[in-house]
Amino acid sequence: MPDNNHFREAIIDTALMLGSLSSWEAVRLYDIAAELNISLDEIRLHFREKEDLVDAWFDRADSLMLKTAHSTHFLNLSTQQRLHCLIMAWLDALAPHRQVTKQMICGKLEPGHLHIQIPGLMRISRTVQWIREAAQRDATSIRRALEETALTTLYLMTFYYWMRDSSKDSRHTRTFLDDHLSLAKWLDHTIYDHRCHQSDKTHSAISASDETVR
């Protein structure tokens, strides 16, 4: 038997291959076992249920995305460019099985699947946090919360757009993401500058009040 990591990856790859031949919904763990000539119990040692294969597929995308942040030129990029690079690296990792990935997501959204929808929300949050870490975002408090909300929205919008994008090398998705990152940057500066202005006005008013009291 190959080493555990290689064996685990082989199970994921086989599941994706079978999903590409039929559909993700039609994939069964016993089909994977038969394809690899192993027992179901050997699969169970790595995956408790079929849904764990979905998480593993997205974990692989997370890993490949984070490797992008180690390139020599990455830290020379602007924040906007870093986020663009990371999100597209994540999507590019999924691109070889775009249709199966779309079917995985649609399966999670079916009514009555709360047991996989709630963990799915946690997975979204986890990927967004890794994007922030890789981009070296250091906002705190309210600014961090706003930034996370904006990034999560952007990430989900781009993911949804990418699932329907048939352009070569996801060219339309890259343009979509770039446009929305530019808008997010403009809004961030507008809101931040407005708050700074309001803060300055408040500080000036307090100072003037203090002078009056004296």
C-alpha atoms as a PDB file:
ATOM      1  CA  MET A   1       0.000   0.000   0.000  1.00  0.00           C
ATOM      2  CA  PRO A   2       1.372   3.488  -0.825  1.00  0.00           C
ATOM      3  CA  ASP A   3       2.041   6.013   1.951  1.00  0.00           C
ATOM      4  CA  ASN A   4      -1.010   7.489   3.659  1.00  0.00           C
ATOM      5  CA  ASN A   5      -0.895  10.883   1.968  1.00  0.00           C
ATOM      6  CA  HIS A   6      -0.494   9.386  -1.504  1.00  0.00           C
ATOM      7  CA  PHE A   7      -3.281   6.906  -0.775  1.00  0.00           C
ATOM      8  CA  ARG A   8      -5.582   9.695   0.409  1.00  0.00           C
ATOM      9  CA  GLU A   9      -4.876  11.756  -2.713  1.00  0.00           C
ATOM     10  CA  ALA A  10      -5.559   8.725  -4.911  1.00  0.00           C
ATOM     11  CA  ILE A  11      -9.016   8.348  -3.330  1.00  0.00           C
ATOM     12  CA  ILE A  12      -9.803  12.022  -4.013  1.00  0.00           C
ATOM     13  CA  ASP A  13      -8.561  11.826  -7.607  1.00  0.00           C
ATOM     14  CA  THR A  14     -10.582   8.678  -8.261  1.00  0.00           C
ATOM     15  CA  ALA A  15     -13.738  10.271  -6.850  1.00  0.00           C
ATOM     16  CA  LEU A  16     -13.251  13.296  -9.101  1.00  0.00           C
ATOM     17  CA  MET A  17     -12.620  11.093 -12.124  1.00  0.00           C
ATOM     18  CA  LEU A  18     -15.795   9.105 -11.500  1.00  0.00           C
ATOM     19  CA  GLY A  19     -17.731  12.315 -10.973  1.00  0.00           C
ATOM     20  CA  SER A  20     -16.484  13.624 -14.322  1.00  0.00           C
ATOM     21  CA  LEU A  21     -17.667  10.456 -16.062  1.00  0.00           C
ATOM     22  CA  SER A  22     -21.180  10.622 -14.616  1.00  0.00           C
ATOM     23  CA  SER A  23     -22.009  13.179 -11.930  1.00  0.00           C
ATOM     24  CA  TRP A  24     -20.940  13.887  -8.367  1.00  0.00           C
ATOM     25  CA  GLU A  25     -24.345  12.802  -7.111  1.00  0.00           C
ATOM     26  CA  ALA A  26     -23.846   9.387  -8.737  1.00  0.00           C
ATOM     27  CA  VAL A  27     -20.435   8.748  -7.154  1.00  0.00           C
ATOM     28  CA  ARG A  28     -20.500   6.088  -4.454  1.00  0.00           C
ATOM     29  CA  LEU A  29     -17.747   5.133  -2.061  1.00  0.00           C
ATOM     30  CA  TYR A  30     -17.995   1.490  -3.115  1.00  0.00           C
ATOM     31  CA  ASP A  31     -17.337   2.584  -6.716  1.00  0.00           C
ATOM     32  CA  ILE A  32     -14.170   4.318  -5.579  1.00  0.00           C
ATOM     33  CA  ALA A  33     -13.131   1.223  -3.629  1.00  0.00           C
ATOM     34  CA  ALA A  34     -13.713  -0.994  -6.657  1.00  0.00           C
ATOM     35  CA  GLU A  35     -11.758   1.332  -8.951  1.00  0.00           C
ATOM     36  CA  LEU A  36      -8.766   1.314  -6.584  1.00  0.00           C
ATOM     37  CA  ASN A  37      -9.178  -2.378  -5.709  1.00  0.00           C
ATOM     38  CA  ILE A  38      -9.393  -1.626  -1.990  1.00  0.00           C
ATOM     39  CA  SER A  39     -12.008  -2.157   0.707  1.00  0.00           C
ATOM     40  CA  LEU A  40     -14.527   0.344   2.001  1.00  0.00           C
ATOM     41  CA  ASP A  41     -12.846   0.099   5.377  1.00  0.00           C
ATOM     42  CA  GLU A  42      -9.608   1.355   3.846  1.00  0.00           C
ATOM     43  CA  ILE A  43     -11.481   4.394   2.547  1.00  0.00           C
ATOM     44  CA  ARG A  44     -13.087   4.883   5.958  1.00  0.00           C
ATOM     45  CA  LEU A  45      -9.636   5.213   7.521  1.00  0.00           C
ATOM     46  CA  HIS A  46      -9.228   8.420   5.522  1.00  0.00           C
ATOM     47  CA  PHE A  47     -12.772   9.665   4.945  1.00  0.00           C
ATOM     48  CA  ARG A  48     -15.701   9.163   7.301  1.00  0.00           C
ATOM     49  CA  GLU A  49     -18.260   9.912   4.572  1.00  0.00           C
ATOM     50  CA  LYS A  50     -18.524  11.078   0.983  1.00  0.00           C
ATOM     51  CA  GLU A  51     -18.895  14.717   2.056  1.00  0.00           C
ATOM     52  CA  ASP A  52     -15.389  14.590   3.516  1.00  0.00           C
ATOM     53  CA  LEU A  53     -14.116  14.182  -0.052  1.00  0.00           C
ATOM     54  CA  VAL A  54     -15.587  17.588  -0.907  1.00  0.00           C
ATOM     55  CA  ASP A  55     -13.770  19.190   2.015  1.00  0.00           C
ATOM     56  CA  ALA A  56     -10.549  17.465   0.960  1.00  0.00           C
ATOM     57  CA  TRP A  57     -10.934  18.801  -2.590  1.00  0.00           C
ATOM     58  CA  PHE A  58     -11.293  22.360  -1.294  1.00  0.00           C
ATOM     59  CA  ASP A  59      -8.462  21.804   1.197  1.00  0.00           C
ATOM     60  CA  ARG A  60      -6.261  20.950  -1.777  1.00  0.00           C
ATOM     61  CA  ALA A  61      -7.234  24.263  -3.389  1.00  0.00           C
ATOM     62  CA  ASP A  62      -6.402  26.084  -0.132  1.00  0.00           C
ATOM     63  CA  SER A  63      -2.973  24.469  -0.092  1.00  0.00           C
ATOM     64  CA  LEU A  64      -2.171  25.322  -3.701  1.00  0.00           C
ATOM     65  CA  MET A  65      -3.383  28.875  -3.135  1.00  0.00           C
ATOM     66  CA  LEU A  66      -1.081  29.340  -0.136  1.00  0.00           C
ATOM     67  CA  LYS A  67       1.895  28.082  -2.119  1.00  0.00           C
ATOM     68  CA  THR A  68       1.309  31.056  -4.434  1.00  0.00           C
ATOM     69  CA  ALA A  69       2.091  33.401  -1.544  1.00  0.00           C
ATOM     70  CA  HIS A  70       5.624  31.979  -1.357  1.00  0.00           C
ATOM     71  CA  SER A  71       6.608  33.167  -4.827  1.00  0.00           C
ATOM     72  CA  THR A  72       9.450  35.689  -4.843  1.00  0.00           C
ATOM     73  CA  HIS A  73       7.436  38.524  -6.373  1.00  0.00           C
ATOM     74  CA  PHE A  74       4.269  38.100  -4.301  1.00  0.00           C
ATOM     75  CA  LEU A  75       5.144  40.534  -1.498  1.00  0.00           C
ATOM     76  CA  ASN A  76       5.981  43.197  -4.072  1.00  0.00           C
ATOM     77  CA  LEU A  77       2.365  43.203  -5.226  1.00  0.00           C
ATOM     78  CA  SER A  78      -0.249  45.657  -3.986  1.00  0.00           C
ATOM     79  CA  THR A  79      -2.971  44.370  -1.665  1.00  0.00           C
ATOM     80  CA  GLN A  80      -5.433  44.366  -4.557  1.00  0.00           C
ATOM     81  CA  GLN A  81      -3.028  42.357  -6.712  1.00  0.00           C
ATOM     82  CA  ARG A  82      -2.331  39.898  -3.893  1.00  0.00           C
ATOM     83  CA  LEU A  83      -6.027  39.207  -3.355  1.00  0.00           C
ATOM     84  CA  HIS A  84      -6.555  38.777  -7.089  1.00  0.00           C
ATOM     85  CA  CYS A  85      -3.612  36.371  -7.306  1.00  0.00           C
ATOM     86  CA  LEU A  86      -4.778  34.297  -4.315  1.00  0.00           C
ATOM     87  CA  ILE A  87      -8.434  33.988  -5.279  1.00  0.00           C
ATOM     88  CA  MET A  88      -7.588  33.057  -8.869  1.00  0.00           C
ATOM     89  CA  ALA A  89      -4.970  30.541  -7.680  1.00  0.00           C
ATOM     90  CA  TRP A  90      -7.707  28.918  -5.567  1.00  0.00           C
ATOM     91  CA  LEU A  91     -10.082  28.761  -8.522  1.00  0.00           C
ATOM     92  CA  ASP A  92      -7.373  27.567 -10.910  1.00  0.00           C
ATOM     93  CA  ALA A  93      -6.720  24.650  -8.560  1.00  0.00           C
ATOM     94  CA  LEU A  94     -10.366  23.605  -8.983  1.00  0.00           C
ATOM     95  CA  ALA A  95     -10.528  24.297 -12.726  1.00  0.00           C
ATOM     96  CA  PRO A  96      -9.619  20.758 -13.925  1.00  0.00           C
ATOM     97  CA  HIS A  97     -12.916  19.581 -12.390  1.00  0.00           C
ATOM     98  CA  ARG A  98     -15.053  22.720 -12.676  1.00  0.00           C
ATOM     99  CA  GLN A  99     -18.286  20.880 -13.505  1.00  0.00           C
ATOM    100  CA  VAL A 100     -17.880  18.405 -10.640  1.00  0.00           C
ATOM    101  CA  THR A 101     -17.077  21.288  -8.282  1.00  0.00           C
ATOM    102  CA  LYS A 102     -20.271  23.035  -9.358  1.00  0.00           C
ATOM    103  CA  GLN A 103     -22.225  19.831  -8.678  1.00  0.00           C
ATOM    104  CA  MET A 104     -20.636  19.577  -5.225  1.00  0.00           C
ATOM    105  CA  ILE A 105     -21.806  23.092  -4.380  1.00  0.00           C
ATOM    106  CA  CYS A 106     -25.295  22.518  -5.768  1.00  0.00           C
ATOM    107  CA  GLY A 107     -25.540  19.367  -3.636  1.00  0.00           C
ATOM    108  CA  LYS A 108     -24.744  21.369  -0.522  1.00  0.00           C
ATOM    109  CA  LEU A 109     -27.467  23.895  -1.340  1.00  0.00           C
ATOM    110  CA  GLU A 110     -30.265  21.342  -1.704  1.00  0.00           C
ATOM    111  CA  PRO A 111     -33.105  21.747   0.844  1.00  0.00           C
ATOM    112  CA  GLY A 112     -32.831  19.530   3.903  1.00  0.00           C
ATOM    113  CA  HIS A 113     -29.032  19.405   3.900  1.00  0.00           C
ATOM    114  CA  LEU A 114     -28.452  21.579   6.947  1.00  0.00           C
ATOM    115  CA  HIS A 115     -25.972  19.013   8.280  1.00  0.00           C
ATOM    116  CA  ILE A 116     -23.626  19.883   5.405  1.00  0.00           C
ATOM    117  CA  GLN A 117     -24.647  23.517   4.873  1.00  0.00           C
ATOM    118  CA  ILE A 118     -23.534  24.699   8.305  1.00  0.00           C
ATOM    119  CA  PRO A 119     -20.063  23.095   8.026  1.00  0.00           C
ATOM    120  CA  GLY A 120     -19.975  24.552   4.505  1.00  0.00           C
ATOM    121  CA  LEU A 121     -20.319  28.049   5.936  1.00  0.00           C
ATOM    122  CA  MET A 122     -17.438  27.325   8.290  1.00  0.00           C
ATOM    123  CA  ARG A 123     -15.342  26.159   5.345  1.00  0.00           C
ATOM    124  CA  ILE A 124     -16.000  29.443   3.506  1.00  0.00           C
ATOM    125  CA  SER A 125     -14.859  31.350   6.561  1.00  0.00           C
ATOM    126  CA  ARG A 126     -11.721  29.207   6.811  1.00  0.00           C
ATOM    127  CA  THR A 127     -10.711  29.853   3.198  1.00  0.00           C
ATOM    128  CA  VAL A 128     -11.350  33.592   3.568  1.00  0.00           C
ATOM    129  CA  GLN A 129      -9.146  33.669   6.675  1.00  0.00           C
ATOM    130  CA  TRP A 130      -6.335  31.939   4.773  1.00  0.00           C
ATOM    131  CA  ILE A 131      -6.697  34.488   1.985  1.00  0.00           C
ATOM    132  CA  ARG A 132      -6.368  37.311   4.522  1.00  0.00           C
ATOM    133  CA  GLU A 133      -3.338  35.709   6.133  1.00  0.00           C
ATOM    134  CA  ALA A 134      -1.607  35.070   2.812  1.00  0.00           C
ATOM    135  CA  ALA A 135      -2.317  38.647   1.695  1.00  0.00           C
ATOM    136  CA  GLN A 136      -0.918  39.795   5.072  1.00  0.00           C
ATOM    137  CA  ARG A 137      -3.947  41.856   6.015  1.00  0.00           C
ATOM    138  CA  ASP A 138      -3.604  43.229   9.557  1.00  0.00           C
ATOM    139  CA  ALA A 139      -6.790  45.200  10.164  1.00  0.00           C
ATOM    140  CA  THR A 140      -8.274  44.893  13.644  1.00  0.00           C
ATOM    141  CA  SER A 141     -11.568  45.464  15.440  1.00  0.00           C
ATOM    142  CA  ILE A 142     -14.440  46.912  13.368  1.00  0.00           C
ATOM    143  CA  ARG A 143     -12.250  47.496  10.335  1.00  0.00           C
ATOM    144  CA  ARG A 144     -11.299  43.813  10.335  1.00  0.00           C
ATOM    145  CA  ALA A 145     -14.952  42.739  10.562  1.00  0.00           C
ATOM    146  CA  LEU A 146     -15.899  44.987   7.649  1.00  0.00           C
ATOM    147  CA  GLU A 147     -12.946  43.774   5.624  1.00  0.00           C
ATOM    148  CA  GLU A 148     -13.829  40.115   6.261  1.00  0.00           C
ATOM    149  CA  THR A 149     -17.445  40.727   5.241  1.00  0.00           C
ATOM    150  CA  ALA A 150     -16.397  42.471   2.045  1.00  0.00           C
ATOM    151  CA  LEU A 151     -13.822  39.797   1.187  1.00  0.00           C
ATOM    152  CA  THR A 152     -16.275  36.963   1.854  1.00  0.00           C
ATOM    153  CA  THR A 153     -18.850  38.613  -0.413  1.00  0.00           C
ATOM    154  CA  LEU A 154     -16.262  39.164  -3.152  1.00  0.00           C
ATOM    155  CA  TYR A 155     -14.968  35.589  -2.841  1.00  0.00           C
ATOM    156  CA  LEU A 156     -18.466  34.083  -3.123  1.00  0.00           C
ATOM    157  CA  MET A 157     -19.473  36.359  -6.006  1.00  0.00           C
ATOM    158  CA  THR A 158     -16.323  35.433  -7.918  1.00  0.00           C
ATOM    159  CA  PHE A 159     -16.751  31.718  -7.154  1.00  0.00           C
ATOM    160  CA  TYR A 160     -20.330  31.802  -8.439  1.00  0.00           C
ATOM    161  CA  TYR A 161     -19.282  33.702 -11.573  1.00  0.00           C
ATOM    162  CA  TRP A 162     -16.399  31.271 -12.182  1.00  0.00           C
ATOM    163  CA  MET A 163     -18.695  28.246 -12.034  1.00  0.00           C
ATOM    164  CA  ARG A 164     -20.586  29.616 -15.065  1.00  0.00           C
ATOM    165  CA  ASP A 165     -17.537  30.929 -16.923  1.00  0.00           C
ATOM    166  CA  SER A 166     -16.564  29.005 -20.058  1.00  0.00           C
ATOM    167  CA  SER A 167     -13.941  31.463 -21.299  1.00  0.00           C
ATOM    168  CA  LYS A 168     -10.386  30.268 -21.894  1.00  0.00           C
ATOM    169  CA  ASP A 169      -8.233  30.331 -18.756  1.00  0.00           C
ATOM    170  CA  SER A 170     -11.236  31.827 -16.900  1.00  0.00           C
ATOM    171  CA  ARG A 171     -10.443  35.160 -18.567  1.00  0.00           C
ATOM    172  CA  HIS A 172     -13.893  36.608 -17.863  1.00  0.00           C
ATOM    173  CA  THR A 173     -13.650  35.684 -14.194  1.00  0.00           C
ATOM    174  CA  ARG A 174     -10.265  37.401 -13.915  1.00  0.00           C
ATOM    175  CA  THR A 175     -11.764  40.586 -15.367  1.00  0.00           C
ATOM    176  CA  PHE A 176     -14.808  40.304 -13.090  1.00  0.00           C
ATOM    177  CA  LEU A 177     -12.599  39.921 -10.022  1.00  0.00           C
ATOM    178  CA  ASP A 178     -10.294  42.759 -11.026  1.00  0.00           C
ATOM    179  CA  ASP A 179     -13.234  45.130 -11.559  1.00  0.00           C
ATOM    180  CA  HIS A 180     -14.781  44.313  -8.209  1.00  0.00           C
ATOM    181  CA  LEU A 181     -11.478  44.533  -6.355  1.00  0.00           C
ATOM    182  CA  SER A 182     -11.027  48.019  -7.794  1.00  0.00           C
ATOM    183  CA  LEU A 183     -14.508  48.959  -6.599  1.00  0.00           C
ATOM    184  CA  ALA A 184     -13.820  47.473  -3.154  1.00  0.00           C
ATOM    185  CA  LYS A 185     -10.572  49.457  -2.934  1.00  0.00           C
ATOM    186  CA  TRP A 186     -12.383  52.680  -3.847  1.00  0.00           C
ATOM    187  CA  LEU A 187     -15.141  52.035  -1.305  1.00  0.00           C
ATOM    188  CA  ASP A 188     -12.598  51.179   1.384  1.00  0.00           C
ATOM    189  CA  HIS A 189     -10.721  54.433   0.874  1.00  0.00           C
ATOM    190  CA  THR A 190     -13.962  56.424   0.668  1.00  0.00           C
ATOM    191  CA  ILE A 191     -15.342  54.969   3.895  1.00  0.00           C
ATOM    192  CA  TYR A 192     -12.003  55.181   5.689  1.00  0.00           C
ATOM    193  CA  ASP A 193     -11.357  58.773   4.606  1.00  0.00           C
ATOM    194  CA  HIS A 194     -14.907  59.738   5.612  1.00  0.00           C
ATOM    195  CA  ARG A 195     -14.419  58.204   9.056  1.00  0.00           C
ATOM    196  CA  CYS A 196     -11.090  59.964   9.498  1.00  0.00           C
ATOM    197  CA  HIS A 197     -12.764  63.244   8.523  1.00  0.00           C
ATOM    198  CA  GLN A 198     -15.601  62.650  10.981  1.00  0.00           C
ATOM    199  CA  SER A 199     -13.096  61.723  13.679  1.00  0.00           C
ATOM    200  CA  ASP A 200     -11.147  64.923  13.065  1.00  0.00           C
ATOM    201  CA  LYS A 201     -14.341  66.981  13.240  1.00  0.00           C
ATOM    202  CA  THR A 202     -15.325  65.291  16.499  1.00  0.00           C
ATOM    203  CA  HIS A 203     -11.859  65.845  17.953  1.00  0.00           C
ATOM    204  CA  SER A 204     -11.952  69.509  16.930  1.00  0.00           C
ATOM    205  CA  ALA A 205     -15.385  69.949  18.471  1.00  0.00           C
ATOM    206  CA  ILE A 206     -14.223  68.394  21.749  1.00  0.00           C
ATOM    207  CA  SER A 207     -11.125  70.605  21.785  1.00  0.00           C
ATOM    208  CA  ALA A 208     -13.242  73.709  21.129  1.00  0.00           C
ATOM    209  CA  SER A 209     -15.604  72.712  23.918  1.00  0.00           C
ATOM    210  CA  ASP A 210     -12.688  72.291  26.310  1.00  0.00           C
ATOM    211  CA  GLU A 211     -11.402  75.749  25.421  1.00  0.00           C
ATOM    212  CA  THR A 212     -14.863  77.249  26.060  1.00  0.00           C
ATOM    213  CA  VAL A 213     -15.047  75.611  29.489  1.00  0.00           C
ATOM    214  CA  ARG A 214     -11.647  77.013  30.396  1.00  0.00           C
END
